[in-house]
Each structure stands twice: as structure tokens, then as C-alpha cells.
PDB file of N, CA and C in Angstrom:
ATOM      1  N   UNK A   1     -40.858-182.955 -65.942  1.00  0.00           N
ATOM      2  CA  UNK A   1     -41.318-182.877 -64.559  1.00  0.00           C
ATOM      3  C   UNK A   1     -42.310-181.729 -64.418  1.00  0.00           C
ATOM      4  N   UNK A   2     -43.273-181.938 -63.553  1.00  0.00           N
ATOM      5  CA  UNK A   2     -44.262-180.889 -63.345  1.00  0.00           C
ATOM      6  C   UNK A   2     -43.720-179.820 -62.405  1.00  0.00           C
ATOM      7  N   UNK A   3     -44.328-178.676 -62.466  1.00  0.00           N
ATOM      8  CA  UNK A   3     -43.913-177.552 -61.648  1.00  0.00           C
ATOM      9  C   UNK A   3     -44.480-177.717 -60.236  1.00  0.00           C
ATOM     10  N   UNK A   4     -43.768-177.203 -59.263  1.00  0.00           N
ATOM     11  CA  UNK A   4     -44.179-177.294 -57.866  1.00  0.00           C
ATOM     12  C   UNK A   4     -45.550-176.655 -57.646  1.00  0.00           C
ATOM     13  N   UNK A   5     -46.397-177.295 -56.851  1.00  0.00           N
ATOM     14  CA  UNK A   5     -47.720-176.749 -56.552  1.00  0.00           C
ATOM     15  C   UNK A   5     -47.609-175.425 -55.797  1.00  0.00           C
ATOM     16  N   UNK A   6     -46.546-175.297 -55.027  1.00  0.00           N
ATOM     17  CA  UNK A   6     -46.327-174.071 -54.265  1.00  0.00           C
ATOM     18  C   UNK A   6     -46.133-172.878 -55.210  1.00  0.00           C
ATOM     19  N   UNK A   7     -45.442-173.100 -56.317  1.00  0.00           N
ATOM     20  CA  UNK A   7     -45.177-172.021 -57.276  1.00  0.00           C
ATOM     21  C   UNK A   7     -46.383-171.736 -58.171  1.00  0.00           C
ATOM     22  N   UNK A   8     -47.161-172.747 -58.465  1.00  0.00           N
ATOM     23  CA  UNK A   8     -48.302-172.557 -59.358  1.00  0.00           C
ATOM     24  C   UNK A   8     -47.894-172.683 -60.815  1.00  0.00           C
ATOM     25  N   UNK A   9     -48.858-172.657 -61.726  1.00  0.00           N
ATOM     26  CA  UNK A   9     -48.535-172.800 -63.156  1.00  0.00           C
ATOM     27  C   UNK A   9     -47.835-171.564 -63.690  1.00  0.00           C
ATOM     28  N   UNK A  10     -46.985-171.772 -64.693  1.00  0.00           N
ATOM     29  CA  UNK A  10     -46.261-170.662 -65.305  1.00  0.00           C
ATOM     30  C   UNK A  10     -47.128-170.041 -66.392  1.00  0.00           C
ATOM     31  N   UNK A  11     -47.574-168.831 -66.135  1.00  0.00           N
ATOM     32  CA  UNK A  11     -48.308-168.073 -67.136  1.00  0.00           C
ATOM     33  C   UNK A  11     -47.491-166.825 -67.420  1.00  0.00           C
ATOM     34  N   UNK A  12     -47.058-166.690 -68.663  1.00  0.00           N
ATOM     35  CA  UNK A  12     -46.198-165.576 -69.044  1.00  0.00           C
ATOM     36  C   UNK A  12     -46.929-164.249 -68.844  1.00  0.00           C
ATOM     37  N   UNK A  13     -46.353-163.330 -68.073  1.00  0.00           N
ATOM     38  CA  UNK A  13     -47.035-162.043 -67.834  1.00  0.00           C
ATOM     39  C   UNK A  13     -47.215-161.216 -69.106  1.00  0.00           C
ATOM     40  N   UNK A  14     -46.337-161.412 -70.108  1.00  0.00           N
ATOM     41  CA  UNK A  14     -46.484-160.665 -71.366  1.00  0.00           C
ATOM     42  C   UNK A  14     -47.738-161.113 -72.115  1.00  0.00           C
ATOM     43  N   UNK A  15     -48.065-162.411 -72.027  1.00  0.00           N
ATOM     44  CA  UNK A  15     -49.266-162.920 -72.693  1.00  0.00           C
ATOM     45  C   UNK A  15     -50.505-162.360 -71.999  1.00  0.00           C
ATOM     46  N   UNK A  16     -50.495-162.338 -70.661  1.00  0.00           N
ATOM     47  CA  UNK A  16     -51.638-161.777 -69.923  1.00  0.00           C
ATOM     48  C   UNK A  16     -51.806-160.292 -70.215  1.00  0.00           C
ATOM     49  N   UNK A  17     -50.683-159.585 -70.391  1.00  0.00           N
ATOM     50  CA  UNK A  17     -50.736-158.157 -70.685  1.00  0.00           C
ATOM     51  C   UNK A  17     -51.391-157.916 -72.049  1.00  0.00           C
ATOM     52  N   UNK A  18     -51.113-158.824 -73.005  1.00  0.00           N
ATOM     53  CA  UNK A  18     -51.718-158.700 -74.335  1.00  0.00           C
ATOM     54  C   UNK A  18     -53.224-158.957 -74.288  1.00  0.00           C
ATOM     55  N   UNK A  19     -53.681-159.735 -73.290  1.00  0.00           N
ATOM     56  CA  UNK A  19     -55.109-160.032 -73.155  1.00  0.00           C
ATOM     57  C   UNK A  19     -55.898-158.863 -72.561  1.00  0.00           C
ATOM     58  N   UNK A  20     -55.205-157.997 -71.813  1.00  0.00           N
ATOM     59  CA  UNK A  20     -55.885-156.865 -71.170  1.00  0.00           C
ATOM     60  C   UNK A  20     -56.519-155.962 -72.221  1.00  0.00           C
ATOM     61  N   UNK A  21     -57.729-155.546 -71.961  1.00  0.00           N
ATOM     62  CA  UNK A  21     -58.422-154.628 -72.854  1.00  0.00           C
ATOM     63  C   UNK A  21     -59.108-155.309 -74.026  1.00  0.00           C
ATOM     64  N   UNK A  22     -59.002-156.612 -74.118  1.00  0.00           N
ATOM     65  CA  UNK A  22     -59.681-157.336 -75.194  1.00  0.00           C
ATOM     66  C   UNK A  22     -60.940-157.985 -74.644  1.00  0.00           C
ATOM     67  N   UNK A  23     -61.959-158.043 -75.479  1.00  0.00           N
ATOM     68  CA  UNK A  23     -63.217-158.638 -75.051  1.00  0.00           C
ATOM     69  C   UNK A  23     -63.166-160.148 -75.236  1.00  0.00           C
ATOM     70  N   UNK A  24     -63.892-160.864 -74.392  1.00  0.00           N
ATOM     71  CA  UNK A  24     -63.971-162.316 -74.465  1.00  0.00           C
ATOM     72  C   UNK A  24     -64.529-162.728 -75.829  1.00  0.00           C
ATOM     73  N   UNK A  25     -63.868-163.640 -76.518  1.00  0.00           N
ATOM     74  CA  UNK A  25     -64.320-164.102 -77.821  1.00  0.00           C
ATOM     75  C   UNK A  25     -63.777-163.282 -78.970  1.00  0.00           C
ATOM     76  N   UNK A  26     -62.860-162.350 -78.693  1.00  0.00           N
ATOM     77  CA  UNK A  26     -62.242-161.531 -79.735  1.00  0.00           C
ATOM     78  C   UNK A  26     -61.413-162.440 -80.646  1.00  0.00           C
ATOM     79  N   UNK A  27     -61.617-162.362 -81.963  1.00  0.00           N
ATOM     80  CA  UNK A  27     -60.990-163.307 -82.908  1.00  0.00           C
ATOM     81  C   UNK A  27     -59.655-162.807 -83.481  1.00  0.00           C
ATOM     82  N   UNK A  28     -59.183-161.634 -83.059  1.00  0.00           N
ATOM     83  CA  UNK A  28     -57.885-161.183 -83.563  1.00  0.00           C
ATOM     84  C   UNK A  28     -56.793-162.077 -82.994  1.00  0.00           C
ATOM     85  N   UNK A  29     -55.779-162.353 -83.812  1.00  0.00           N
ATOM     86  CA  UNK A  29     -54.709-163.270 -83.426  1.00  0.00           C
ATOM     87  C   UNK A  29     -53.707-162.546 -82.529  1.00  0.00           C
ATOM     88  N   UNK A  30     -53.394-163.168 -81.398  1.00  0.00           N
ATOM     89  CA  UNK A  30     -52.410-162.636 -80.454  1.00  0.00           C
ATOM     90  C   UNK A  30     -51.120-163.421 -80.663  1.00  0.00           C
ATOM     91  N   UNK A  31     -50.111-162.775 -81.258  1.00  0.00           N
ATOM     92  CA  UNK A  31     -48.856-163.471 -81.551  1.00  0.00           C
ATOM     93  C   UNK A  31     -48.039-163.652 -80.279  1.00  0.00           C
ATOM     94  N   UNK A  32     -47.444-164.847 -80.134  1.00  0.00           N
ATOM     95  CA  UNK A  32     -46.596-165.102 -78.985  1.00  0.00           C
ATOM     96  C   UNK A  32     -45.511-166.117 -79.331  1.00  0.00           C
ATOM     97  N   UNK A  33     -44.365-165.940 -78.701  1.00  0.00           N
ATOM     98  CA  UNK A  33     -43.273-166.893 -78.817  1.00  0.00           C
ATOM     99  C   UNK A  33     -43.193-167.746 -77.564  1.00  0.00           C
ATOM    100  N   UNK A  34     -44.033-167.489 -76.593  1.00  0.00           N
ATOM    101  CA  UNK A  34     -44.000-168.173 -75.307  1.00  0.00           C
ATOM    102  C   UNK A  34     -44.735-169.504 -75.384  1.00  0.00           C
ATOM    103  N   UNK A  35     -44.032-170.539 -75.837  1.00  0.00           N
ATOM    104  CA  UNK A  35     -44.627-171.867 -75.982  1.00  0.00           C
ATOM    105  C   UNK A  35     -44.791-172.552 -74.624  1.00  0.00           C
ATOM    106  N   UNK A  36     -44.012-172.134 -73.636  1.00  0.00           N
ATOM    107  CA  UNK A  36     -44.042-172.763 -72.316  1.00  0.00           C
ATOM    108  C   UNK A  36     -45.161-172.233 -71.432  1.00  0.00           C
ATOM    109  N   UNK A  37     -45.853-171.219 -71.892  1.00  0.00           N
ATOM    110  CA  UNK A  37     -46.923-170.598 -71.112  1.00  0.00           C
ATOM    111  C   UNK A  37     -48.096-171.566 -70.957  1.00  0.00           C
ATOM    112  N   UNK A  38     -48.550-171.746 -69.711  1.00  0.00           N
ATOM    113  CA  UNK A  38     -49.694-172.621 -69.431  1.00  0.00           C
ATOM    114  C   UNK A  38     -50.977-171.861 -69.757  1.00  0.00           C
ATOM    115  N   UNK A  39     -51.925-172.553 -70.372  1.00  0.00           N
ATOM    116  CA  UNK A  39     -53.196-171.932 -70.743  1.00  0.00           C
ATOM    117  C   UNK A  39     -54.055-171.778 -69.491  1.00  0.00           C
ATOM    118  N   UNK A  40     -54.402-170.536 -69.191  1.00  0.00           N
ATOM    119  CA  UNK A  40     -55.213-170.205 -68.017  1.00  0.00           C
ATOM    120  C   UNK A  40     -56.675-170.032 -68.448  1.00  0.00           C
ATOM    121  N   UNK A  41     -57.609-170.115 -67.502  1.00  0.00           N
ATOM    122  CA  UNK A  41     -59.029-169.944 -67.849  1.00  0.00           C
ATOM    123  C   UNK A  41     -59.353-168.586 -68.484  1.00  0.00           C
ATOM    124  N   UNK A  42     -58.551-167.567 -68.208  1.00  0.00           N
ATOM    125  CA  UNK A  42     -58.798-166.242 -68.798  1.00  0.00           C
ATOM    126  C   UNK A  42     -58.541-166.232 -70.303  1.00  0.00           C
ATOM    127  N   UNK A  43     -57.806-167.224 -70.814  1.00  0.00           N
ATOM    128  CA  UNK A  43     -57.419-167.259 -72.227  1.00  0.00           C
ATOM    129  C   UNK A  43     -58.461-167.946 -73.104  1.00  0.00           C
ATOM    130  N   UNK A  44     -59.479-168.556 -72.508  1.00  0.00           N
ATOM    131  CA  UNK A  44     -60.472-169.302 -73.277  1.00  0.00           C
ATOM    132  C   UNK A  44     -61.231-168.356 -74.205  1.00  0.00           C
ATOM    133  N   UNK A  45     -61.348-168.748 -75.465  1.00  0.00           N
ATOM    134  CA  UNK A  45     -62.076-167.953 -76.450  1.00  0.00           C
ATOM    135  C   UNK A  45     -61.195-167.071 -77.299  1.00  0.00           C
ATOM    136  N   UNK A  46     -59.925-166.934 -76.965  1.00  0.00           N
ATOM    137  CA  UNK A  46     -59.010-166.107 -77.732  1.00  0.00           C
ATOM    138  C   UNK A  46     -58.219-166.968 -78.716  1.00  0.00           C
ATOM    139  N   UNK A  47     -57.757-166.350 -79.800  1.00  0.00           N
ATOM    140  CA  UNK A  47     -56.936-167.038 -80.784  1.00  0.00           C
ATOM    141  C   UNK A  47     -55.503-166.555 -80.637  1.00  0.00           C
ATOM    142  N   UNK A  48     -54.590-167.521 -80.458  1.00  0.00           N
ATOM    143  CA  UNK A  48     -53.176-167.202 -80.305  1.00  0.00           C
ATOM    144  C   UNK A  48     -52.418-167.662 -81.539  1.00  0.00           C
ATOM    145  N   UNK A  49     -51.443-166.869 -81.946  1.00  0.00           N
ATOM    146  CA  UNK A  49     -50.516-167.266 -83.002  1.00  0.00           C
ATOM    147  C   UNK A  49     -49.259-167.743 -82.307  1.00  0.00           C
ATOM    148  N   UNK A  50     -49.092-169.058 -82.172  1.00  0.00           N
ATOM    149  CA  UNK A  50     -47.961-169.629 -81.432  1.00  0.00           C
ATOM    150  C   UNK A  50     -46.842-169.933 -82.417  1.00  0.00           C
ATOM    151  N   UNK A  51     -45.657-169.414 -82.141  1.00  0.00           N
ATOM    152  CA  UNK A  51     -44.517-169.584 -83.041  1.00  0.00           C
ATOM    153  C   UNK A  51     -43.975-171.003 -82.942  1.00  0.00           C
ATOM    154  N   UNK A  52     -43.747-171.645 -84.094  1.00  0.00           N
ATOM    155  CA  UNK A  52     -43.232-173.012 -84.079  1.00  0.00           C
ATOM    156  C   UNK A  52     -41.784-173.091 -84.546  1.00  0.00           C
ATOM    157  N   UNK A  53     -41.121-171.956 -84.654  1.00  0.00           N
ATOM    158  CA  UNK A  53     -39.739-171.917 -85.098  1.00  0.00           C
ATOM    159  C   UNK A  53     -39.612-171.365 -86.494  1.00  0.00           C
ATOM    160  N   UNK A  54     -40.692-171.446 -87.258  1.00  0.00           N
ATOM    161  CA  UNK A  54     -40.678-170.943 -88.629  1.00  0.00           C
ATOM    162  C   UNK A  54     -41.777-169.914 -88.857  1.00  0.00           C
ATOM    163  N   UNK A  55     -42.995-170.255 -88.462  1.00  0.00           N
ATOM    164  CA  UNK A  55     -44.110-169.334 -88.623  1.00  0.00           C
ATOM    165  C   UNK A  55     -45.076-169.487 -87.459  1.00  0.00           C
ATOM    166  N   UNK A  56     -46.153-168.693 -87.480  1.00  0.00           N
ATOM    167  CA  UNK A  56     -47.116-168.712 -86.386  1.00  0.00           C
ATOM    168  C   UNK A  56     -48.294-169.611 -86.746  1.00  0.00           C
ATOM    169  N   UNK A  57     -48.630-170.517 -85.824  1.00  0.00           N
ATOM    170  CA  UNK A  57     -49.757-171.427 -86.009  1.00  0.00           C
ATOM    171  C   UNK A  57     -50.922-170.906 -85.175  1.00  0.00           C
ATOM    172  N   UNK A  58     -52.082-170.730 -85.804  1.00  0.00           N
ATOM    173  CA  UNK A  58     -53.257-170.217 -85.091  1.00  0.00           C
ATOM    174  C   UNK A  58     -53.831-171.300 -84.186  1.00  0.00           C
ATOM    175  N   UNK A  59     -54.039-170.934 -82.917  1.00  0.00           N
ATOM    176  CA  UNK A  59     -54.593-171.855 -81.925  1.00  0.00           C
ATOM    177  C   UNK A  59     -55.769-171.162 -81.258  1.00  0.00           C
ATOM    178  N   UNK A  60     -56.978-171.710 -81.451  1.00  0.00           N
ATOM    179  CA  UNK A  60     -58.168-171.192 -80.781  1.00  0.00           C
ATOM    180  C   UNK A  60     -58.300-171.938 -79.460  1.00  0.00           C
ATOM    181  N   UNK A  61     -58.219-171.222 -78.365  1.00  0.00           N
ATOM    182  CA  UNK A  61     -58.212-171.846 -77.039  1.00  0.00           C
ATOM    183  C   UNK A  61     -59.635-172.192 -76.611  1.00  0.00           C
ATOM    184  N   UNK A  62     -59.819-173.464 -76.213  1.00  0.00           N
ATOM    185  CA  UNK A  62     -61.111-173.929 -75.707  1.00  0.00           C
ATOM    186  C   UNK A  62     -60.943-174.354 -74.252  1.00  0.00           C
ATOM    187  N   UNK A  63     -62.052-174.705 -73.597  1.00  0.00           N
ATOM    188  CA  UNK A  63     -62.003-175.074 -72.178  1.00  0.00           C
ATOM    189  C   UNK A  63     -61.185-176.327 -71.926  1.00  0.00           C
ATOM    190  N   UNK A  64     -61.173-177.261 -72.879  1.00  0.00           N
ATOM    191  CA  UNK A  64     -60.434-178.514 -72.692  1.00  0.00           C
ATOM    192  C   UNK A  64     -58.927-178.291 -72.666  1.00  0.00           C
ATOM    193  N   UNK A  65     -58.465-177.154 -73.188  1.00  0.00           N
ATOM    194  CA  UNK A  65     -57.029-176.872 -73.278  1.00  0.00           C
ATOM    195  C   UNK A  65     -56.448-176.290 -71.984  1.00  0.00           C
ATOM    196  N   UNK A  66     -57.299-175.882 -71.066  1.00  0.00           N
ATOM    197  CA  UNK A  66     -56.821-175.250 -69.828  1.00  0.00           C
ATOM    198  C   UNK A  66     -55.923-176.228 -69.074  1.00  0.00           C
ATOM    199  N   UNK A  67     -54.742-175.749 -68.680  1.00  0.00           N
ATOM    200  CA  UNK A  67     -53.777-176.582 -67.966  1.00  0.00           C
ATOM    201  C   UNK A  67     -52.684-177.109 -68.869  1.00  0.00           C
ATOM    202  N   UNK A  68     -52.923-177.111 -70.174  1.00  0.00           N
ATOM    203  CA  UNK A  68     -51.895-177.528 -71.128  1.00  0.00           C
ATOM    204  C   UNK A  68     -51.039-176.320 -71.489  1.00  0.00           C
ATOM    205  N   UNK A  69     -49.968-176.551 -72.220  1.00  0.00           N
ATOM    206  CA  UNK A  69     -49.093-175.454 -72.647  1.00  0.00           C
ATOM    207  C   UNK A  69     -49.406-175.075 -74.090  1.00  0.00           C
ATOM    208  N   UNK A  70     -49.142-173.810 -74.429  1.00  0.00           N
ATOM    209  CA  UNK A  70     -49.427-173.327 -75.780  1.00  0.00           C
ATOM    210  C   UNK A  70     -48.639-174.100 -76.833  1.00  0.00           C
ATOM    211  N   UNK A  71     -47.417-174.482 -76.516  1.00  0.00           N
ATOM    212  CA  UNK A  71     -46.564-175.176 -77.468  1.00  0.00           C
ATOM    213  C   UNK A  71     -47.062-176.552 -77.871  1.00  0.00           C
ATOM    214  N   UNK A  72     -47.928-177.149 -77.064  1.00  0.00           N
ATOM    215  CA  UNK A  72     -48.451-178.479 -77.383  1.00  0.00           C
ATOM    216  C   UNK A  72     -49.339-178.456 -78.620  1.00  0.00           C
ATOM    217  N   UNK A  73     -49.878-177.298 -78.961  1.00  0.00           N
ATOM    218  CA  UNK A  73     -50.823-177.192 -80.062  1.00  0.00           C
ATOM    219  C   UNK A  73     -50.193-176.571 -81.308  1.00  0.00           C
ATOM    220  N   UNK A  74     -48.890-176.337 -81.276  1.00  0.00           N
ATOM    221  CA  UNK A  74     -48.156-175.796 -82.414  1.00  0.00           C
ATOM    222  C   UNK A  74     -46.954-176.689 -82.661  1.00  0.00           C
ATOM    223  N   UNK A  75     -47.104-177.668 -83.559  1.00  0.00           N
ATOM    224  CA  UNK A  75     -46.055-178.652 -83.791  1.00  0.00           C
ATOM    225  C   UNK A  75     -44.844-178.020 -84.473  1.00  0.00           C
ATOM    226  N   UNK A  76     -43.656-178.457 -84.050  1.00  0.00           N
ATOM    227  CA  UNK A  76     -42.418-177.894 -84.587  1.00  0.00           C
ATOM    228  C   UNK A  76     -41.834-178.736 -85.702  1.00  0.00           C
ATOM    229  N   UNK A  77     -42.296-179.966 -85.841  1.00  0.00           N
ATOM    230  CA  UNK A  77     -41.770-180.846 -86.884  1.00  0.00           C
ATOM    231  C   UNK A  77     -42.877-181.193 -87.873  1.00  0.00           C
ATOM    232  N   UNK A  78     -42.522-181.186 -89.141  1.00  0.00           N
ATOM    233  CA  UNK A  78     -43.489-181.492 -90.191  1.00  0.00           C
ATOM    234  C   UNK A  78     -43.495-182.997 -90.437  1.00  0.00           C
ATOM    235  N   UNK A  79     -44.683-183.601 -90.393  1.00  0.00           N
ATOM    236  CA  UNK A  79     -44.788-185.040 -90.611  1.00  0.00           C
ATOM    237  C   UNK A  79     -45.020-185.298 -92.091  1.00  0.00           C
ATOM    238  N   UNK A  80     -44.132-186.067 -92.683  1.00  0.00           N
ATOM    239  CA  UNK A  80     -44.364-186.559 -94.039  1.00  0.00           C
ATOM    240  C   UNK A  80     -44.390-188.071 -93.926  1.00  0.00           C
ATOM    241  N   UNK A  81     -45.410-188.677 -94.437  1.00  0.00           N
ATOM    242  CA  UNK A  81     -45.765-190.072 -94.231  1.00  0.00           C
ATOM    243  C   UNK A  81     -44.594-191.038 -94.096  1.00  0.00           C
ATOM    244  N   UNK A  82     -44.859-192.179 -93.479  1.00  0.00           N
ATOM    245  CA  UNK A  82     -43.885-193.242 -93.335  1.00  0.00           C
ATOM    246  C   UNK A  82     -43.788-194.002 -94.643  1.00  0.00           C
ATOM    247  N   UNK A  83     -42.708-194.745 -94.784  1.00  0.00           N
ATOM    248  CA  UNK A  83     -42.554-195.587 -95.964  1.00  0.00           C
ATOM    249  C   UNK A  83     -41.813-194.872 -97.063  1.00  0.00           C
ATOM    250  N   UNK A  84     -41.386-195.620 -98.041  1.00  0.00           N
ATOM    251  CA  UNK A  84     -40.637-195.047 -99.142  1.00  0.00           C
ATOM    252  C   UNK A  84     -41.319-195.343-100.456  1.00  0.00           C
ATOM    253  N   UNK A  85     -40.578-195.985-101.356  1.00  0.00           N
ATOM    254  CA  UNK A  85     -41.061-196.257-102.703  1.00  0.00           C
ATOM    255  C   UNK A  85     -42.281-197.186-102.700  1.00  0.00           C
ATOM    256  N   UNK A  86     -42.231-198.223-101.860  1.00  0.00           N
ATOM    257  CA  UNK A  86     -43.361-199.166-101.794  1.00  0.00           C
ATOM    258  C   UNK A  86     -44.646-198.476-101.337  1.00  0.00           C
ATOM    259  N   UNK A  87     -44.538-197.635-100.338  1.00  0.00           N
ATOM    260  CA  UNK A  87     -45.705-196.931 -99.805  1.00  0.00           C
ATOM    261  C   UNK A  87     -46.314-196.029-100.866  1.00  0.00           C
ATOM    262  N   UNK A  88     -45.474-195.371-101.647  1.00  0.00           N
ATOM    263  CA  UNK A  88     -45.957-194.485-102.696  1.00  0.00           C
ATOM    264  C   UNK A  88     -46.725-195.282-103.756  1.00  0.00           C
ATOM    265  N   UNK A  89     -46.215-196.467-104.111  1.00  0.00           N
ATOM    266  CA  UNK A  89     -46.888-197.320-105.088  1.00  0.00           C
ATOM    267  C   UNK A  89     -48.251-197.780-104.565  1.00  0.00           C
ATOM    268  N   UNK A  90     -48.323-198.138-103.307  1.00  0.00           N
ATOM    269  CA  UNK A  90     -49.585-198.580-102.698  1.00  0.00           C
ATOM    270  C   UNK A  90     -50.615-197.451-102.729  1.00  0.00           C
ATOM    271  N   UNK A  91     -50.182-196.231-102.407  1.00  0.00           N
ATOM    272  CA  UNK A  91     -51.098-195.094-102.399  1.00  0.00           C
ATOM    273  C   UNK A  91     -51.592-194.769-103.807  1.00  0.00           C
ATOM    274  N   UNK A  92     -50.704-194.839-104.802  1.00  0.00           N
ATOM    275  CA  UNK A  92     -51.115-194.585-106.180  1.00  0.00           C
ATOM    276  C   UNK A  92     -52.130-195.623-106.645  1.00  0.00           C
ATOM    277  N   UNK A  93     -51.911-196.894-106.289  1.00  0.00           N
ATOM    278  CA  UNK A  93     -52.834-197.952-106.674  1.00  0.00           C
ATOM    279  C   UNK A  93     -54.213-197.732-106.047  1.00  0.00           C
ATOM    280  N   UNK A  94     -54.256-197.346-104.774  1.00  0.00           N
ATOM    281  CA  UNK A  94     -55.547-197.124-104.108  1.00  0.00           C
ATOM    282  C   UNK A  94     -56.263-195.911-104.715  1.00  0.00           C
ATOM    283  N   UNK A  95     -55.515-194.873-105.059  1.00  0.00           N
ATOM    284  CA  UNK A  95     -56.106-193.689-105.676  1.00  0.00           C
ATOM    285  C   UNK A  95     -56.693-194.046-107.045  1.00  0.00           C
ATOM    286  N   UNK A  96     -55.968-194.891-107.808  1.00  0.00           N
ATOM    287  CA  UNK A  96     -56.444-195.314-109.118  1.00  0.00           C
ATOM    288  C   UNK A  96     -57.733-196.128-108.995  1.00  0.00           C
ATOM    289  N   UNK A  97     -57.802-197.006-107.985  1.00  0.00           N
ATOM    290  CA  UNK A  97     -59.013-197.797-107.757  1.00  0.00           C
ATOM    291  C   UNK A  97     -60.208-196.904-107.459  1.00  0.00           C
ATOM    292  N   UNK A  98     -59.985-195.851-106.658  1.00  0.00           N
ATOM    293  CA  UNK A  98     -61.063-194.917-106.339  1.00  0.00           C
ATOM    294  C   UNK A  98     -61.556-194.204-107.592  1.00  0.00           C
ATOM    295  N   UNK A  99     -60.628-193.783-108.458  1.00  0.00           N
ATOM    296  CA  UNK A  99     -61.011-193.111-109.698  1.00  0.00           C
ATOM    297  C   UNK A  99     -61.808-194.045-110.603  1.00  0.00           C
ATOM    298  N   UNK A 100     -61.360-195.287-110.705  1.00  0.00           N
ATOM    299  CA  UNK A 100     -62.072-196.270-111.524  1.00  0.00           C
ATOM    300  C   UNK A 100     -63.478-196.512-110.988  1.00  0.00           C
ATOM    301  N   UNK A 101     -63.613-196.605-109.674  1.00  0.00           N
ATOM    302  CA  UNK A 101     -64.927-196.814-109.056  1.00  0.00           C
ATOM    303  C   UNK A 101     -65.845-195.628-109.333  1.00  0.00           C
ATOM    304  N   UNK A 102     -65.304-194.409-109.277  1.00  0.00           N
ATOM    305  CA  UNK A 102     -66.098-193.219-109.542  1.00  0.00           C
ATOM    306  C   UNK A 102     -66.556-193.181-110.991  1.00  0.00           C
ATOM    307  N   UNK A 103     -65.662-193.563-111.927  1.00  0.00           N
ATOM    308  CA  UNK A 103     -66.037-193.592-113.336  1.00  0.00           C
ATOM    309  C   UNK A 103     -67.118-194.642-113.594  1.00  0.00           C
ATOM    310  N   UNK A 104     -66.993-195.806-112.946  1.00  0.00           N
ATOM    311  CA  UNK A 104     -67.976-196.863-113.118  1.00  0.00           C
ATOM    312  C   UNK A 104     -69.351-196.419-112.592  1.00  0.00           C
ATOM    313  N   UNK A 105     -69.358-195.742-111.455  1.00  0.00           N
ATOM    314  CA  UNK A 105     -70.616-195.254-110.873  1.00  0.00           C
ATOM    315  C   UNK A 105     -71.247-194.207-111.775  1.00  0.00           C
ATOM    316  N   UNK A 106     -70.417-193.336-112.376  1.00  0.00           N
ATOM    317  CA  UNK A 106     -70.915-192.287-113.252  1.00  0.00           C
ATOM    318  C   UNK A 106     -71.505-192.899-114.528  1.00  0.00           C
ATOM    319  N   UNK A 107     -70.817-193.943-115.047  1.00  0.00           N
ATOM    320  CA  UNK A 107     -71.288-194.610-116.263  1.00  0.00           C
ATOM    321  C   UNK A 107     -72.621-195.329-116.029  1.00  0.00           C
ATOM    322  N   UNK A 108     -72.783-195.943-114.861  1.00  0.00           N
ATOM    323  CA  UNK A 108     -74.032-196.655-114.549  1.00  0.00           C
ATOM    324  C   UNK A 108     -75.188-195.682-114.336  1.00  0.00           C
ATOM    325  N   UNK A 109     -74.881-194.457-113.876  1.00  0.00           N
ATOM    326  CA  UNK A 109     -75.928-193.446-113.688  1.00  0.00           C
ATOM    327  C   UNK A 109     -76.476-192.952-115.019  1.00  0.00           C
ATOM    328  N   UNK A 110     -75.614-192.873-116.036  1.00  0.00           N
ATOM    329  CA  UNK A 110     -76.034-192.383-117.352  1.00  0.00           C
ATOM    330  C   UNK A 110     -76.967-193.356-118.062  1.00  0.00           C
ATOM    331  N   UNK A 111     -76.838-194.650-117.776  1.00  0.00           N
ATOM    332  CA  UNK A 111     -77.659-195.669-118.464  1.00  0.00           C
ATOM    333  C   UNK A 111     -79.030-195.739-117.919  1.00  0.00           C
TER     334      UNK A 111
END
């Protein structure tokens, strides 16, 4: 559910405090655990290290991100492809075809 318009967006005051005294476009990473913090226009151009539960993911804030939350750009789950044994065989076959095509192209260039 969205937050009440009367209350306004939730911007963590600790994150804003870390922004004070920094110049716009400063590339030093600002570490934060506040994934629920809404990205405000003052944050554009800064790089945040957003904690995902294990380590910090670097997020460079752009204008399109304003209104979203910091946690949306730091995934907490690691995606490892779908499929099992069959999928692995298909990928190996396609990789082998690419290698064969590259060798054939290299051989035709030498002639």
C-alpha cells in the first residue's frame, strides 16, 4: 500500500544527514541499510551502497529513480537460471556451436 499523501514520502533523515556537505555528483559511496527510504530529488547524482542482507550493492541514482525506494535497486535474492540437467545440456550445445562457427570463420580467413 502506498503512503498517505498527507504524510508525504518516507525519506530517512540519516540518509539526508549523510548527504549534507557533499557536492552534487560526488562519486564516493554512501553506505545505508535504509532500503525503505524513498529516493528524493536531492539524491540524484550520488552513489549509494544499499545493503541487501549480505553486502552493499552500489546504486547510482538518476532522475528516473526519483519516487522509487532504494531497496528496489538492490536485489536480495540471487537468480540462478531456470531448468536443470536438460537446460545445462542445451546451453553447452549452443556454446559448442558458437565455438565451431568461430573456428570455421577463422579458418576461412586464413585461406
